[in-house]
N, C-alpha and C. Protein backbone atom coordinates (compact mmCIF):
# COMPACT_ATOMS: atom_id res chain seq x y z
N UNK A 1 -64.66 20.79 14.94
CA UNK A 1 -65.00 20.06 13.72
C UNK A 1 -64.17 20.63 12.58
N UNK A 2 -63.64 19.74 11.74
CA UNK A 2 -62.80 20.20 10.64
C UNK A 2 -63.65 20.64 9.46
N UNK A 3 -63.08 21.49 8.66
CA UNK A 3 -63.74 22.01 7.46
C UNK A 3 -63.69 20.94 6.37
N UNK A 4 -64.85 20.49 5.86
CA UNK A 4 -64.83 19.44 4.83
C UNK A 4 -64.16 19.88 3.53
N UNK A 5 -64.00 21.19 3.35
CA UNK A 5 -63.35 21.70 2.14
C UNK A 5 -61.83 21.77 2.28
N UNK A 6 -61.33 21.57 3.49
CA UNK A 6 -59.88 21.64 3.74
C UNK A 6 -59.22 20.38 3.16
N UNK A 7 -58.33 20.54 2.17
CA UNK A 7 -57.69 19.37 1.57
C UNK A 7 -56.63 18.73 2.48
N UNK A 8 -56.26 19.39 3.55
CA UNK A 8 -55.20 18.90 4.44
C UNK A 8 -55.62 19.11 5.90
N UNK A 9 -56.71 18.47 6.34
CA UNK A 9 -57.27 18.79 7.66
C UNK A 9 -56.33 18.50 8.83
N UNK A 10 -55.43 17.54 8.68
CA UNK A 10 -54.52 17.21 9.78
C UNK A 10 -53.15 17.85 9.64
N UNK A 11 -52.97 18.63 8.59
CA UNK A 11 -51.68 19.28 8.38
C UNK A 11 -50.60 18.35 7.87
N UNK A 12 -50.99 17.15 7.41
CA UNK A 12 -49.99 16.17 6.98
C UNK A 12 -49.21 16.66 5.77
N UNK A 13 -49.90 17.22 4.79
CA UNK A 13 -49.21 17.70 3.59
C UNK A 13 -48.23 18.81 3.97
N UNK A 14 -48.67 19.74 4.80
CA UNK A 14 -47.79 20.83 5.22
C UNK A 14 -46.57 20.29 5.96
N UNK A 15 -46.77 19.28 6.79
CA UNK A 15 -45.65 18.68 7.51
C UNK A 15 -44.67 18.02 6.55
N UNK A 16 -45.19 17.31 5.56
CA UNK A 16 -44.31 16.64 4.60
C UNK A 16 -43.50 17.65 3.79
N UNK A 17 -44.12 18.77 3.44
CA UNK A 17 -43.38 19.82 2.73
C UNK A 17 -42.25 20.32 3.62
N UNK A 18 -42.53 20.52 4.89
CA UNK A 18 -41.50 20.97 5.83
C UNK A 18 -40.36 19.97 5.95
N UNK A 19 -40.70 18.69 6.04
CA UNK A 19 -39.67 17.66 6.16
C UNK A 19 -38.84 17.57 4.89
N UNK A 20 -39.48 17.76 3.75
CA UNK A 20 -38.74 17.74 2.47
C UNK A 20 -37.75 18.89 2.44
N UNK A 21 -38.15 20.04 2.98
CA UNK A 21 -37.24 21.19 3.01
C UNK A 21 -36.05 20.92 3.93
N UNK A 22 -36.29 20.26 5.06
CA UNK A 22 -35.19 19.88 5.95
C UNK A 22 -34.22 18.98 5.20
N UNK A 23 -34.77 17.97 4.53
CA UNK A 23 -33.95 17.01 3.78
C UNK A 23 -33.13 17.72 2.70
N UNK A 24 -33.78 18.55 1.91
CA UNK A 24 -33.09 19.27 0.83
C UNK A 24 -32.00 20.18 1.37
N UNK A 25 -32.31 20.92 2.43
CA UNK A 25 -31.34 21.84 3.00
C UNK A 25 -30.13 21.11 3.56
N UNK A 26 -30.38 19.98 4.22
CA UNK A 26 -29.28 19.21 4.80
C UNK A 26 -28.36 18.66 3.71
N UNK A 27 -28.94 18.16 2.62
CA UNK A 27 -28.13 17.64 1.52
C UNK A 27 -27.32 18.77 0.89
N UNK A 28 -27.94 19.93 0.71
CA UNK A 28 -27.23 21.08 0.13
C UNK A 28 -26.11 21.54 1.05
N UNK A 29 -26.28 21.34 2.36
CA UNK A 29 -25.26 21.76 3.32
C UNK A 29 -24.10 20.76 3.41
N UNK A 30 -24.21 19.65 2.68
CA UNK A 30 -23.09 18.71 2.64
C UNK A 30 -23.30 17.42 3.39
N UNK A 31 -24.45 17.24 4.01
CA UNK A 31 -24.72 15.97 4.68
C UNK A 31 -25.06 14.93 3.63
N UNK A 32 -24.81 13.66 3.96
CA UNK A 32 -25.22 12.60 3.04
C UNK A 32 -26.74 12.47 3.11
N UNK A 33 -27.31 11.81 2.11
CA UNK A 33 -28.76 11.61 2.11
C UNK A 33 -29.18 10.79 3.34
N UNK A 34 -28.35 9.83 3.73
CA UNK A 34 -28.65 8.99 4.90
C UNK A 34 -28.68 9.85 6.16
N UNK A 35 -27.68 10.72 6.33
CA UNK A 35 -27.64 11.60 7.50
C UNK A 35 -28.84 12.55 7.50
N UNK A 36 -29.15 13.09 6.32
CA UNK A 36 -30.27 14.03 6.21
C UNK A 36 -31.59 13.34 6.56
N UNK A 37 -31.77 12.11 6.07
CA UNK A 37 -33.00 11.38 6.36
C UNK A 37 -33.10 11.09 7.85
N UNK A 38 -31.97 10.80 8.49
CA UNK A 38 -31.97 10.57 9.94
C UNK A 38 -32.42 11.82 10.68
N UNK A 39 -32.02 13.00 10.19
CA UNK A 39 -32.47 14.26 10.80
C UNK A 39 -33.99 14.40 10.69
N UNK A 40 -34.52 14.07 9.51
CA UNK A 40 -35.96 14.16 9.31
C UNK A 40 -36.68 13.19 10.25
N UNK A 41 -36.18 11.96 10.35
CA UNK A 41 -36.83 10.98 11.23
C UNK A 41 -36.77 11.42 12.69
N UNK A 42 -35.68 12.03 13.09
CA UNK A 42 -35.56 12.54 14.46
C UNK A 42 -36.61 13.62 14.70
N UNK A 43 -36.79 14.49 13.71
CA UNK A 43 -37.79 15.56 13.83
C UNK A 43 -39.20 14.98 13.90
N UNK A 44 -39.49 14.02 13.04
CA UNK A 44 -40.81 13.38 13.03
C UNK A 44 -41.07 12.71 14.38
N UNK A 45 -40.09 11.99 14.88
CA UNK A 45 -40.24 11.29 16.16
C UNK A 45 -40.49 12.29 17.29
N UNK A 46 -39.75 13.38 17.30
CA UNK A 46 -39.92 14.39 18.35
C UNK A 46 -41.33 14.99 18.30
N UNK A 47 -41.82 15.26 17.10
CA UNK A 47 -43.17 15.81 16.97
C UNK A 47 -44.22 14.79 17.41
N UNK A 48 -44.01 13.54 17.04
CA UNK A 48 -44.97 12.49 17.42
C UNK A 48 -45.01 12.31 18.93
N UNK A 49 -43.85 12.29 19.56
CA UNK A 49 -43.79 12.12 21.01
C UNK A 49 -44.37 13.34 21.71
N UNK A 50 -44.10 14.51 21.20
CA UNK A 50 -44.66 15.73 21.78
C UNK A 50 -46.17 15.74 21.68
N UNK A 51 -46.68 15.30 20.53
CA UNK A 51 -48.13 15.25 20.34
C UNK A 51 -48.78 14.22 21.24
N UNK A 52 -48.11 13.10 21.44
CA UNK A 52 -48.66 12.04 22.29
C UNK A 52 -48.74 12.49 23.74
N UNK A 53 -47.81 13.34 24.15
CA UNK A 53 -47.81 13.86 25.52
C UNK A 53 -48.71 15.07 25.66
N UNK A 54 -49.19 15.57 24.52
CA UNK A 54 -50.02 16.77 24.58
C UNK A 54 -49.19 18.03 24.69
N UNK A 55 -47.89 17.89 24.54
CA UNK A 55 -47.00 19.05 24.65
C UNK A 55 -46.55 19.51 23.30
N UNK A 56 -45.42 20.21 23.30
CA UNK A 56 -44.92 20.75 22.04
C UNK A 56 -43.63 20.09 21.66
């Protein structure tokens, strides 16, 4: 059972902060915003598929 006081019970906010950091780092490294966003989407998709399989 989740803690009713937890403002981020599913970790969504923490995940979004992580994805924002990936995006920012990629742009700073010289990738275009489009390329950086594609990296974030690839990461999100991999996490979603891993979660659906019950794996990592």
